[in-house]
Amino acid sequence: MAHDSHNIVAVGTSDEILAAAINRIIDSKGGILAMDETEDCLLPLPVGGILSDADGLSVAKGYEQADTLAKAFGSPLKAPFMTLAFMSLACIPEIKLTDKGLFEITKLSYTDLQC
């Protein structure tokens, strides 16, 4: 989820899997999800779409499982979900992901997706 705006943030390799993952998050009223065609791990966050009503140990275990699966799917990032949350925090430099596109903080404008 995007920090501050609490929008859904999704990264994937196919539109079909992205759509299925986003719909799964919506159906569960929020959460963190790692998913491909055959395997998934969801940490539900049903309280306002950003908080869990489970105990801390269960949440930590669910987060660790989703993190491990995201890495098994090929993410090279040390913390894939935290990286997405940080990259969508559109108030600190330099370029951030928003629901309207890539935003250049230092120019206060959206930028072309092509490099």
PDB file of N, CA and C in Angstrom:
ATOM      1  N   MET A   1       0.830  -1.176   0.000  1.00  0.00           N
ATOM      2  CA  MET A   1       0.000   0.000   0.000  1.00  0.00           C
ATOM      3  C   MET A   1       0.871   1.234   0.000  1.00  0.00           C
ATOM      4  N   ALA A   2       0.353   2.281  -0.588  1.00  0.00           N
ATOM      5  CA  ALA A   2       1.088   3.538  -0.668  1.00  0.00           C
ATOM      6  C   ALA A   2       0.971   4.283   0.659  1.00  0.00           C
ATOM      7  N   HIS A   3       2.095   4.672   1.191  1.00  0.00           N
ATOM      8  CA  HIS A   3       2.120   5.429   2.437  1.00  0.00           C
ATOM      9  C   HIS A   3       1.457   6.790   2.202  1.00  0.00           C
ATOM     10  N   ASP A   4       0.756   7.289   3.167  1.00  0.00           N
ATOM     11  CA  ASP A   4       0.023   8.563   3.158  1.00  0.00           C
ATOM     12  C   ASP A   4      -1.274   8.486   2.359  1.00  0.00           C
ATOM     13  N   SER A   5      -1.224   8.106   1.077  1.00  0.00           N
ATOM     14  CA  SER A   5      -2.450   8.056   0.275  1.00  0.00           C
ATOM     15  C   SER A   5      -3.208   6.754   0.478  1.00  0.00           C
ATOM     16  N   HIS A   6      -2.517   5.709   0.898  1.00  0.00           N
ATOM     17  CA  HIS A   6      -3.076   4.382   1.140  1.00  0.00           C
ATOM     18  C   HIS A   6      -3.698   3.762  -0.102  1.00  0.00           C
ATOM     19  N   ASN A   7      -3.197   4.149  -1.263  1.00  0.00           N
ATOM     20  CA  ASN A   7      -3.616   3.523  -2.512  1.00  0.00           C
ATOM     21  C   ASN A   7      -2.991   2.138  -2.625  1.00  0.00           C
ATOM     22  N   ILE A   8      -3.585   1.318  -3.469  1.00  0.00           N
ATOM     23  CA  ILE A   8      -2.996   0.017  -3.773  1.00  0.00           C
ATOM     24  C   ILE A   8      -1.797   0.231  -4.690  1.00  0.00           C
ATOM     25  N   VAL A   9      -0.698  -0.436  -4.384  1.00  0.00           N
ATOM     26  CA  VAL A   9       0.500  -0.407  -5.224  1.00  0.00           C
ATOM     27  C   VAL A   9       0.745  -1.838  -5.685  1.00  0.00           C
ATOM     28  N   ALA A  10       0.911  -2.020  -6.988  1.00  0.00           N
ATOM     29  CA  ALA A  10       1.110  -3.369  -7.518  1.00  0.00           C
ATOM     30  C   ALA A  10       2.222  -3.372  -8.555  1.00  0.00           C
ATOM     31  N   VAL A  11       3.028  -4.412  -8.517  1.00  0.00           N
ATOM     32  CA  VAL A  11       4.100  -4.616  -9.484  1.00  0.00           C
ATOM     33  C   VAL A  11       3.989  -6.048  -9.971  1.00  0.00           C
ATOM     34  N   GLY A  12       4.119  -6.242 -11.273  1.00  0.00           N
ATOM     35  CA  GLY A  12       4.014  -7.598 -11.781  1.00  0.00           C
ATOM     36  C   GLY A  12       4.521  -7.728 -13.193  1.00  0.00           C
ATOM     37  N   THR A  13       4.389  -8.926 -13.716  1.00  0.00           N
ATOM     38  CA  THR A  13       4.886  -9.221 -15.054  1.00  0.00           C
ATOM     39  C   THR A  13       3.774  -9.445 -16.068  1.00  0.00           C
ATOM     40  N   SER A  14       2.512  -9.463 -15.619  1.00  0.00           N
ATOM     41  CA  SER A  14       1.401  -9.602 -16.562  1.00  0.00           C
ATOM     42  C   SER A  14       0.190  -8.843 -16.033  1.00  0.00           C
ATOM     43  N   ASP A  15      -0.564  -8.282 -16.967  1.00  0.00           N
ATOM     44  CA  ASP A  15      -1.772  -7.551 -16.591  1.00  0.00           C
ATOM     45  C   ASP A  15      -2.776  -8.459 -15.891  1.00  0.00           C
ATOM     46  N   GLU A  16      -2.848  -9.723 -16.334  1.00  0.00           N
ATOM     47  CA  GLU A  16      -3.818 -10.654 -15.759  1.00  0.00           C
ATOM     48  C   GLU A  16      -3.521 -10.930 -14.282  1.00  0.00           C
ATOM     49  N   ILE A  17      -2.272 -11.185 -13.958  1.00  0.00           N
ATOM     50  CA  ILE A  17      -1.903 -11.454 -12.562  1.00  0.00           C
ATOM     51  C   ILE A  17      -2.062 -10.191 -11.728  1.00  0.00           C
ATOM     52  N   LEU A  18      -1.682  -9.035 -12.286  1.00  0.00           N
ATOM     53  CA  LEU A  18      -1.856  -7.775 -11.558  1.00  0.00           C
ATOM     54  C   LEU A  18      -3.329  -7.530 -11.236  1.00  0.00           C
ATOM     55  N   ALA A  19      -4.201  -7.727 -12.215  1.00  0.00           N
ATOM     56  CA  ALA A  19      -5.633  -7.524 -11.990  1.00  0.00           C
ATOM     57  C   ALA A  19      -6.162  -8.496 -10.939  1.00  0.00           C
ATOM     58  N   ALA A  20      -5.757  -9.752 -11.024  1.00  0.00           N
ATOM     59  CA  ALA A  20      -6.197 -10.750 -10.040  1.00  0.00           C
ATOM     60  C   ALA A  20      -5.696 -10.390  -8.644  1.00  0.00           C
ATOM     61  N   ALA A  21      -4.451  -9.940  -8.548  1.00  0.00           N
ATOM     62  CA  ALA A  21      -3.883  -9.574  -7.247  1.00  0.00           C
ATOM     63  C   ALA A  21      -4.599  -8.359  -6.662  1.00  0.00           C
ATOM     64  N   ILE A  22      -4.839  -7.355  -7.478  1.00  0.00           N
ATOM     65  CA  ILE A  22      -5.533  -6.153  -7.000  1.00  0.00           C
ATOM     66  C   ILE A  22      -6.942  -6.505  -6.548  1.00  0.00           C
ATOM     67  N   ASN A  23      -7.640  -7.326  -7.318  1.00  0.00           N
ATOM     68  CA  ASN A  23      -8.992  -7.739  -6.917  1.00  0.00           C
ATOM     69  C   ASN A  23      -8.970  -8.530  -5.619  1.00  0.00           C
ATOM     70  N   ARG A  24      -7.960  -9.338  -5.432  1.00  0.00           N
ATOM     71  CA  ARG A  24      -7.832 -10.102  -4.175  1.00  0.00           C
ATOM     72  C   ARG A  24      -7.633  -9.158  -2.990  1.00  0.00           C
ATOM     73  N   ILE A  25      -6.813  -8.134  -3.160  1.00  0.00           N
ATOM     74  CA  ILE A  25      -6.603  -7.134  -2.106  1.00  0.00           C
ATOM     75  C   ILE A  25      -7.913  -6.411  -1.801  1.00  0.00           C
ATOM     76  N   ILE A  26      -8.630  -6.026  -2.832  1.00  0.00           N
ATOM     77  CA  ILE A  26      -9.917  -5.347  -2.640  1.00  0.00           C
ATOM     78  C   ILE A  26     -10.889  -6.258  -1.904  1.00  0.00           C
ATOM     79  N   ASP A  27     -10.990  -7.518  -2.338  1.00  0.00           N
ATOM     80  CA  ASP A  27     -11.907  -8.471  -1.698  1.00  0.00           C
ATOM     81  C   ASP A  27     -11.575  -8.704  -0.230  1.00  0.00           C
ATOM     82  N   SER A  28     -10.292  -8.633   0.113  1.00  0.00           N
ATOM     83  CA  SER A  28      -9.894  -8.868   1.509  1.00  0.00           C
ATOM     84  C   SER A  28      -9.901  -7.577   2.327  1.00  0.00           C
ATOM     85  N   LYS A  29     -10.328  -6.476   1.709  1.00  0.00           N
ATOM     86  CA  LYS A  29     -10.421  -5.167   2.383  1.00  0.00           C
ATOM     87  C   LYS A  29      -9.055  -4.595   2.739  1.00  0.00           C
ATOM     88  N   GLY A  30      -8.022  -4.986   1.990  1.00  0.00           N
ATOM     89  CA  GLY A  30      -6.670  -4.475   2.215  1.00  0.00           C
ATOM     90  C   GLY A  30      -5.712  -5.590   2.557  1.00  0.00           C
ATOM     91  N   GLY A  31      -4.438  -5.358   2.297  1.00  0.00           N
ATOM     92  CA  GLY A  31      -3.454  -6.361   2.653  1.00  0.00           C
ATOM     93  C   GLY A  31      -2.169  -6.246   1.872  1.00  0.00           C
ATOM     94  N   ILE A  32      -1.297  -7.188   2.135  1.00  0.00           N
ATOM     95  CA  ILE A  32      -0.024  -7.328   1.442  1.00  0.00           C
ATOM     96  C   ILE A  32      -0.047  -8.707   0.801  1.00  0.00           C
ATOM     97  N   LEU A  33       0.252  -8.769  -0.491  1.00  0.00           N
ATOM     98  CA  LEU A  33       0.078 -10.007  -1.244  1.00  0.00           C
ATOM     99  C   LEU A  33       1.252 -10.245  -2.185  1.00  0.00           C
ATOM    100  N   ALA A  34       1.759 -11.458  -2.172  1.00  0.00           N
ATOM    101  CA  ALA A  34       2.689 -11.940  -3.193  1.00  0.00           C
ATOM    102  C   ALA A  34       1.949 -13.045  -3.936  1.00  0.00           C
ATOM    103  N   MET A  35       1.938 -12.979  -5.277  1.00  0.00           N
ATOM    104  CA  MET A  35       1.088 -13.901  -6.025  1.00  0.00           C
ATOM    105  C   MET A  35       1.642 -14.131  -7.422  1.00  0.00           C
ATOM    106  N   ASP A  36       1.533 -15.366  -7.889  1.00  0.00           N
ATOM    107  CA  ASP A  36       1.749 -15.669  -9.300  1.00  0.00           C
ATOM    108  C   ASP A  36       0.616 -16.577  -9.757  1.00  0.00           C
ATOM    109  N   GLU A  37       0.794 -17.258 -10.882  1.00  0.00           N
ATOM    110  CA  GLU A  37      -0.280 -18.088 -11.433  1.00  0.00           C
ATOM    111  C   GLU A  37      -0.656 -19.265 -10.542  1.00  0.00           C
ATOM    112  N   THR A  38       0.275 -19.762  -9.726  1.00  0.00           N
ATOM    113  CA  THR A  38       0.026 -20.989  -8.969  1.00  0.00           C
ATOM    114  C   THR A  38       0.168 -20.856  -7.460  1.00  0.00           C
ATOM    115  N   GLU A  39       0.726 -19.767  -6.986  1.00  0.00           N
ATOM    116  CA  GLU A  39       1.034 -19.654  -5.557  1.00  0.00           C
ATOM    117  C   GLU A  39       0.765 -18.234  -5.076  1.00  0.00           C
ATOM    118  N   ASP A  40       0.314 -18.111  -3.825  1.00  0.00           N
ATOM    119  CA  ASP A  40       0.111 -16.780  -3.269  1.00  0.00           C
ATOM    120  C   ASP A  40       0.238 -16.799  -1.755  1.00  0.00           C
ATOM    121  N   CYS A  41       0.478 -15.637  -1.207  1.00  0.00           N
ATOM    122  CA  CYS A  41       0.539 -15.455   0.237  1.00  0.00           C
ATOM    123  C   CYS A  41      -0.029 -14.078   0.545  1.00  0.00           C
ATOM    124  N   LEU A  42      -1.120 -14.047   1.289  1.00  0.00           N
ATOM    125  CA  LEU A  42      -1.811 -12.807   1.625  1.00  0.00           C
ATOM    126  C   LEU A  42      -1.721 -12.544   3.119  1.00  0.00           C
ATOM    127  N   LEU A  43      -1.297 -11.340   3.470  1.00  0.00           N
ATOM    128  CA  LEU A  43      -1.390 -10.843   4.838  1.00  0.00           C
ATOM    129  C   LEU A  43      -2.560  -9.868   4.842  1.00  0.00           C
ATOM    130  N   PRO A  44      -3.731 -10.278   5.348  1.00  0.00           N
ATOM    131  CA  PRO A  44      -4.892  -9.388   5.344  1.00  0.00           C
ATOM    132  C   PRO A  44      -4.680  -8.188   6.274  1.00  0.00           C
ATOM    133  N   LEU A  45      -5.107  -7.023   5.802  1.00  0.00           N
ATOM    134  CA  LEU A  45      -5.076  -5.799   6.604  1.00  0.00           C
ATOM    135  C   LEU A  45      -6.464  -5.159   6.515  1.00  0.00           C
ATOM    136  N   PRO A  46      -7.452  -5.761   7.204  1.00  0.00           N
ATOM    137  CA  PRO A  46      -8.839  -5.361   7.024  1.00  0.00           C
ATOM    138  C   PRO A  46      -9.280  -4.100   7.776  1.00  0.00           C
ATOM    139  N   VAL A  47      -8.483  -3.606   8.683  1.00  0.00           N
ATOM    140  CA  VAL A  47      -8.877  -2.422   9.453  1.00  0.00           C
ATOM    141  C   VAL A  47      -8.454  -1.180   8.668  1.00  0.00           C
ATOM    142  N   GLY A  48      -9.415  -0.569   8.013  1.00  0.00           N
ATOM    143  CA  GLY A  48      -9.128   0.596   7.192  1.00  0.00           C
ATOM    144  C   GLY A  48      -8.261   0.280   5.990  1.00  0.00           C
ATOM    145  N   GLY A  49      -8.068  -0.996   5.700  1.00  0.00           N
ATOM    146  CA  GLY A  49      -7.246  -1.407   4.575  1.00  0.00           C
ATOM    147  C   GLY A  49      -5.757  -1.320   4.825  1.00  0.00           C
ATOM    148  N   ILE A  50      -5.352  -0.917   6.046  1.00  0.00           N
ATOM    149  CA  ILE A  50      -3.925  -0.724   6.326  1.00  0.00           C
ATOM    150  C   ILE A  50      -3.458  -1.338   7.643  1.00  0.00           C
ATOM    151  N   LEU A  51      -4.395  -1.842   8.446  1.00  0.00           N
ATOM    152  CA  LEU A  51      -4.049  -2.427   9.742  1.00  0.00           C
ATOM    153  C   LEU A  51      -4.638  -3.821   9.870  1.00  0.00           C
ATOM    154  N   SER A  52      -3.985  -4.640  10.690  1.00  0.00           N
ATOM    155  CA  SER A  52      -4.480  -5.984  10.962  1.00  0.00           C
ATOM    156  C   SER A  52      -5.204  -6.013  12.299  1.00  0.00           C
ATOM    157  N   ASP A  53      -6.156  -6.914  12.417  1.00  0.00           N
ATOM    158  CA  ASP A  53      -6.811  -7.151  13.704  1.00  0.00           C
ATOM    159  C   ASP A  53      -6.263  -8.417  14.369  1.00  0.00           C
ATOM    160  N   ALA A  54      -5.199  -8.979  13.792  1.00  0.00           N
ATOM    161  CA  ALA A  54      -4.555 -10.175  14.354  1.00  0.00           C
ATOM    162  C   ALA A  54      -3.466  -9.761  15.344  1.00  0.00           C
ATOM    163  N   ASP A  55      -2.989 -10.733  16.128  1.00  0.00           N
ATOM    164  CA  ASP A  55      -1.909 -10.448  17.077  1.00  0.00           C
ATOM    165  C   ASP A  55      -0.600 -10.195  16.325  1.00  0.00           C
ATOM    166  N   GLY A  56       0.315  -9.522  16.980  1.00  0.00           N
ATOM    167  CA  GLY A  56       1.574  -9.115  16.366  1.00  0.00           C
ATOM    168  C   GLY A  56       2.402 -10.254  15.815  1.00  0.00           C
ATOM    169  N   LEU A  57       2.439 -11.379  16.531  1.00  0.00           N
ATOM    170  CA  LEU A  57       3.224 -12.518  16.047  1.00  0.00           C
ATOM    171  C   LEU A  57       2.657 -13.078  14.745  1.00  0.00           C
ATOM    172  N   SER A  58       1.339 -13.138  14.652  1.00  0.00           N
ATOM    173  CA  SER A  58       0.707 -13.624  13.418  1.00  0.00           C
ATOM    174  C   SER A  58       0.981 -12.680  12.256  1.00  0.00           C
ATOM    175  N   VAL A  59       0.924 -11.385  12.524  1.00  0.00           N
ATOM    176  CA  VAL A  59       1.195 -10.396  11.480  1.00  0.00           C
ATOM    177  C   VAL A  59       2.648 -10.502  11.018  1.00  0.00           C
ATOM    178  N   ALA A  60       3.573 -10.610  11.972  1.00  0.00           N
ATOM    179  CA  ALA A  60       4.994 -10.732  11.621  1.00  0.00           C
ATOM    180  C   ALA A  60       5.241 -11.979  10.776  1.00  0.00           C
ATOM    181  N   LYS A  61       4.607 -13.091  11.147  1.00  0.00           N
ATOM    182  CA  LYS A  61       4.770 -14.335  10.391  1.00  0.00           C
ATOM    183  C   LYS A  61       4.194 -14.188   8.981  1.00  0.00           C
ATOM    184  N   GLY A  62       3.012 -13.584   8.870  1.00  0.00           N
ATOM    185  CA  GLY A  62       2.393 -13.379   7.560  1.00  0.00           C
ATOM    186  C   GLY A  62       3.219 -12.472   6.667  1.00  0.00           C
ATOM    187  N   TYR A  63       3.773 -11.415   7.256  1.00  0.00           N
ATOM    188  CA  TYR A  63       4.619 -10.500   6.486  1.00  0.00           C
ATOM    189  C   TYR A  63       5.873 -11.220   6.002  1.00  0.00           C
ATOM    190  N   GLU A  64       6.483 -11.984   6.887  1.00  0.00           N
ATOM    191  CA  GLU A  64       7.699 -12.727   6.526  1.00  0.00           C
ATOM    192  C   GLU A  64       7.416 -13.724   5.404  1.00  0.00           C
ATOM    193  N   GLN A  65       6.263 -14.398   5.464  1.00  0.00           N
ATOM    194  CA  GLN A  65       5.917 -15.364   4.422  1.00  0.00           C
ATOM    195  C   GLN A  65       5.706 -14.670   3.073  1.00  0.00           C
ATOM    196  N   ALA A  66       4.997 -13.537   3.076  1.00  0.00           N
ATOM    197  CA  ALA A  66       4.781 -12.800   1.828  1.00  0.00           C
ATOM    198  C   ALA A  66       6.105 -12.269   1.279  1.00  0.00           C
ATOM    199  N   ASP A  67       6.959 -11.766   2.161  1.00  0.00           N
ATOM    200  CA  ASP A  67       8.275 -11.255   1.777  1.00  0.00           C
ATOM    201  C   ASP A  67       9.125 -12.368   1.152  1.00  0.00           C
ATOM    202  N   THR A  68       9.125 -13.524   1.785  1.00  0.00           N
ATOM    203  CA  THR A  68       9.892 -14.669   1.280  1.00  0.00           C
ATOM    204  C   THR A  68       9.384 -15.102  -0.089  1.00  0.00           C
ATOM    205  N   LEU A  69       8.067 -15.133  -0.265  1.00  0.00           N
ATOM    206  CA  LEU A  69       7.501 -15.541  -1.549  1.00  0.00           C
ATOM    207  C   LEU A  69       7.821 -14.515  -2.640  1.00  0.00           C
ATOM    208  N   ALA A  70       7.737 -13.230  -2.323  1.00  0.00           N
ATOM    209  CA  ALA A  70       8.087 -12.200  -3.311  1.00  0.00           C
ATOM    210  C   ALA A  70       9.529 -12.379  -3.781  1.00  0.00           C
ATOM    211  N   LYS A  71      10.408 -12.699  -2.862  1.00  0.00           N
ATOM    212  CA  LYS A  71      11.816 -12.940  -3.224  1.00  0.00           C
ATOM    213  C   LYS A  71      11.955 -14.224  -4.037  1.00  0.00           C
ATOM    214  N   ALA A  72      11.173 -15.243  -3.699  1.00  0.00           N
ATOM    215  CA  ALA A  72      11.205 -16.494  -4.466  1.00  0.00           C
ATOM    216  C   ALA A  72      10.707 -16.269  -5.895  1.00  0.00           C
ATOM    217  N   PHE A  73       9.800 -15.316  -6.074  1.00  0.00           N
ATOM    218  CA  PHE A  73       9.304 -14.973  -7.408  1.00  0.00           C
ATOM    219  C   PHE A  73      10.342 -14.193  -8.210  1.00  0.00           C
ATOM    220  N   GLY A  74      11.420 -13.756  -7.558  1.00  0.00           N
ATOM    221  CA  GLY A  74      12.494 -13.086  -8.288  1.00  0.00           C
ATOM    222  C   GLY A  74      12.830 -11.681  -7.852  1.00  0.00           C
ATOM    223  N   SER A  75      12.166 -11.156  -6.835  1.00  0.00           N
ATOM    224  CA  SER A  75      12.513  -9.803  -6.394  1.00  0.00           C
ATOM    225  C   SER A  75      13.930  -9.788  -5.829  1.00  0.00           C
ATOM    226  N   PRO A  76      14.775  -8.896  -6.344  1.00  0.00           N
ATOM    227  CA  PRO A  76      16.139  -8.791  -5.820  1.00  0.00           C
ATOM    228  C   PRO A  76      16.237  -7.853  -4.616  1.00  0.00           C
ATOM    229  N   LEU A  77      15.121  -7.262  -4.229  1.00  0.00           N
ATOM    230  CA  LEU A  77      15.128  -6.259  -3.165  1.00  0.00           C
ATOM    231  C   LEU A  77      15.215  -6.891  -1.784  1.00  0.00           C
ATOM    232  N   LYS A  78      15.899  -6.225  -0.885  1.00  0.00           N
ATOM    233  CA  LYS A  78      16.008  -6.708   0.492  1.00  0.00           C
ATOM    234  C   LYS A  78      14.642  -6.676   1.177  1.00  0.00           C
ATOM    235  N   ALA A  79      13.855  -5.654   0.896  1.00  0.00           N
ATOM    236  CA  ALA A  79      12.529  -5.498   1.499  1.00  0.00           C
ATOM    237  C   ALA A  79      11.549  -5.043   0.409  1.00  0.00           C
ATOM    238  N   PRO A  80      11.022  -5.979  -0.393  1.00  0.00           N
ATOM    239  CA  PRO A  80      10.181  -5.598  -1.535  1.00  0.00           C
ATOM    240  C   PRO A  80       8.971  -4.738  -1.177  1.00  0.00           C
ATOM    241  N   PHE A  81       8.243  -5.094  -0.145  1.00  0.00           N
ATOM    242  CA  PHE A  81       7.028  -4.352   0.191  1.00  0.00           C
ATOM    243  C   PHE A  81       7.342  -2.984   0.789  1.00  0.00           C
ATOM    244  N   MET A  82       8.377  -2.903   1.588  1.00  0.00           N
ATOM    245  CA  MET A  82       8.780  -1.612   2.145  1.00  0.00           C
ATOM    246  C   MET A  82       9.303  -0.696   1.040  1.00  0.00           C
ATOM    247  N   THR A  83       9.983  -1.260   0.052  1.00  0.00           N
ATOM    248  CA  THR A  83      10.474  -0.463  -1.072  1.00  0.00           C
ATOM    249  C   THR A  83       9.308   0.133  -1.850  1.00  0.00           C
ATOM    250  N   LEU A  84       8.268  -0.671  -2.107  1.00  0.00           N
ATOM    251  CA  LEU A  84       7.094  -0.148  -2.808  1.00  0.00           C
ATOM    252  C   LEU A  84       6.409   0.940  -1.997  1.00  0.00           C
ATOM    253  N   ALA A  85       6.291   0.739  -0.692  1.00  0.00           N
ATOM    254  CA  ALA A  85       5.669   1.754   0.163  1.00  0.00           C
ATOM    255  C   ALA A  85       6.478   3.050   0.124  1.00  0.00           C
ATOM    256  N   PHE A  86       7.798   2.943   0.172  1.00  0.00           N
ATOM    257  CA  PHE A  86       8.657   4.128   0.127  1.00  0.00           C
ATOM    258  C   PHE A  86       8.587   4.816  -1.238  1.00  0.00           C
ATOM    259  N   MET A  87       8.614   4.026  -2.303  1.00  0.00           N
ATOM    260  CA  MET A  87       8.599   4.615  -3.647  1.00  0.00           C
ATOM    261  C   MET A  87       7.284   5.304  -3.968  1.00  0.00           C
ATOM    262  N   SER A  88       6.232   5.006  -3.238  1.00  0.00           N
ATOM    263  CA  SER A  88       4.945   5.660  -3.476  1.00  0.00           C
ATOM    264  C   SER A  88       4.691   6.802  -2.496  1.00  0.00           C
ATOM    265  N   LEU A  89       5.654   7.103  -1.649  1.00  0.00           N
ATOM    266  CA  LEU A  89       5.543   8.230  -0.713  1.00  0.00           C
ATOM    267  C   LEU A  89       5.931   9.493  -1.471  1.00  0.00           C
ATOM    268  N   ALA A  90       4.920  10.176  -2.000  1.00  0.00           N
ATOM    269  CA  ALA A  90       5.155  11.244  -2.976  1.00  0.00           C
ATOM    270  C   ALA A  90       5.487  12.599  -2.357  1.00  0.00           C
ATOM    271  N   CYS A  91       6.151  12.616  -1.238  1.00  0.00           N
ATOM    272  CA  CYS A  91       6.494  13.905  -0.631  1.00  0.00           C
ATOM    273  C   CYS A  91       7.989  14.066  -0.389  1.00  0.00           C
ATOM    274  N   ILE A  92       8.780  13.067  -0.759  1.00  0.00           N
ATOM    275  CA  ILE A  92      10.225  13.175  -0.589  1.00  0.00           C
ATOM    276  C   ILE A  92      10.911  12.852  -1.916  1.00  0.00           C
ATOM    277  N   PRO A  93      12.052  13.489  -2.195  1.00  0.00           N
ATOM    278  CA  PRO A  93      12.715  13.347  -3.497  1.00  0.00           C
ATOM    279  C   PRO A  93      13.135  11.916  -3.778  1.00  0.00           C
ATOM    280  N   GLU A  94      13.184  11.494  -4.951  1.00  0.00           N
ATOM    281  CA  GLU A  94      13.342  12.234  -6.184  1.00  0.00           C
ATOM    282  C   GLU A  94      12.155  11.924  -7.109  1.00  0.00           C
ATOM    283  N   ILE A  95      12.039  10.708  -7.572  1.00  0.00           N
ATOM    284  CA  ILE A  95      10.905  10.305  -8.414  1.00  0.00           C
ATOM    285  C   ILE A  95      10.080   9.290  -7.639  1.00  0.00           C
ATOM    286  N   LYS A  96       8.758   9.471  -7.643  1.00  0.00           N
ATOM    287  CA  LYS A  96       7.868   8.603  -6.874  1.00  0.00           C
ATOM    288  C   LYS A  96       6.728   8.079  -7.741  1.00  0.00           C
ATOM    289  N   LEU A  97       6.241   6.901  -7.381  1.00  0.00           N
ATOM    290  CA  LEU A  97       5.088   6.288  -8.036  1.00  0.00           C
ATOM    291  C   LEU A  97       3.820   6.830  -7.396  1.00  0.00           C
ATOM    292  N   THR A  98       2.882   7.304  -8.208  1.00  0.00           N
ATOM    293  CA  THR A  98       1.583   7.723  -7.683  1.00  0.00           C
ATOM    294  C   THR A  98       0.497   7.077  -8.536  1.00  0.00           C
ATOM    295  N   ASP A  99      -0.751   7.230  -8.116  1.00  0.00           N
ATOM    296  CA  ASP A  99      -1.857   6.687  -8.891  1.00  0.00           C
ATOM    297  C   ASP A  99      -2.054   7.436 -10.212  1.00  0.00           C
ATOM    298  N   LYS A 100      -1.382   8.558 -10.389  1.00  0.00           N
ATOM    299  CA  LYS A 100      -1.483   9.334 -11.616  1.00  0.00           C
ATOM    300  C   LYS A 100      -0.235   9.225 -12.491  1.00  0.00           C
ATOM    301  N   GLY A 101       0.785   8.497 -12.033  1.00  0.00           N
ATOM    302  CA  GLY A 101       2.007   8.321 -12.803  1.00  0.00           C
ATOM    303  C   GLY A 101       3.251   8.597 -11.990  1.00  0.00           C
ATOM    304  N   LEU A 102       4.382   8.739 -12.692  1.00  0.00           N
ATOM    305  CA  LEU A 102       5.655   9.051 -12.031  1.00  0.00           C
ATOM    306  C   LEU A 102       5.728  10.545 -11.755  1.00  0.00           C
ATOM    307  N   PHE A 103       6.008  10.904 -10.515  1.00  0.00           N
ATOM    308  CA  PHE A 103       6.049  12.309 -10.112  1.00  0.00           C
ATOM    309  C   PHE A 103       7.463  12.691  -9.713  1.00  0.00           C
ATOM    310  N   GLU A 104       7.979  13.764 -10.343  1.00  0.00           N
ATOM    311  CA  GLU A 104       9.301  14.287  -9.997  1.00  0.00           C
ATOM    312  C   GLU A 104       9.128  15.356  -8.926  1.00  0.00           C
ATOM    313  N   ILE A 105       9.565  15.032  -7.715  1.00  0.00           N
ATOM    314  CA  ILE A 105       9.372  15.928  -6.580  1.00  0.00           C
ATOM    315  C   ILE A 105      10.092  17.256  -6.805  1.00  0.00           C
ATOM    316  N   THR A 106      11.329  17.219  -7.273  1.00  0.00           N
ATOM    317  CA  THR A 106      12.108  18.456  -7.414  1.00  0.00           C
ATOM    318  C   THR A 106      11.545  19.388  -8.485  1.00  0.00           C
ATOM    319  N   LYS A 107      10.825  18.840  -9.476  1.00  0.00           N
ATOM    320  CA  LYS A 107      10.205  19.663 -10.523  1.00  0.00           C
ATOM    321  C   LYS A 107       8.724  19.924 -10.244  1.00  0.00           C
ATOM    322  N   LEU A 108       8.174  19.225  -9.244  1.00  0.00           N
ATOM    323  CA  LEU A 108       6.755  19.313  -8.904  1.00  0.00           C
ATOM    324  C   LEU A 108       5.864  19.068 -10.121  1.00  0.00           C
ATOM    325  N   SER A 109       6.221  18.029 -10.887  1.00  0.00           N
ATOM    326  CA  SER A 109       5.427  17.690 -12.062  1.00  0.00           C
ATOM    327  C   SER A 109       5.568  16.201 -12.374  1.00  0.00           C
ATOM    328  N   TYR A 110       4.609  15.712 -13.156  1.00  0.00           N
ATOM    329  CA  TYR A 110       4.670  14.326 -13.605  1.00  0.00           C
ATOM    330  C   TYR A 110       5.658  14.222 -14.751  1.00  0.00           C
ATOM    331  N   THR A 111       6.265  13.069 -14.872  1.00  0.00           N
ATOM    332  CA  THR A 111       7.276  12.858 -15.901  1.00  0.00           C
ATOM    333  C   THR A 111       6.860  11.716 -16.810  1.00  0.00           C
ATOM    334  N   ASP A 112       7.438  11.689 -17.983  1.00  0.00           N
ATOM    335  CA  ASP A 112       7.177  10.638 -18.953  1.00  0.00           C
ATOM    336  C   ASP A 112       7.657   9.295 -18.401  1.00  0.00           C
ATOM    337  N   LEU A 113       6.918   8.250 -18.661  1.00  0.00           N
ATOM    338  CA  LEU A 113       7.310   6.923 -18.197  1.00  0.00           C
ATOM    339  C   LEU A 113       8.487   6.364 -18.979  1.00  0.00           C
ATOM    340  N   GLN A 114       8.795   6.921 -20.129  1.00  0.00           N
ATOM    341  CA  GLN A 114       9.915   6.463 -20.948  1.00  0.00           C
ATOM    342  C   GLN A 114      11.198   7.143 -20.501  1.00  0.00           C
ATOM    343  N   CYS A 115      12.255   6.363 -20.363  1.00  0.00           N
ATOM    344  CA  CYS A 115      13.556   6.927 -19.977  1.00  0.00           C
ATOM    345  C   CYS A 115      14.370   7.289 -21.188  1.00  0.00           C
TER     346      CYS A 115
END
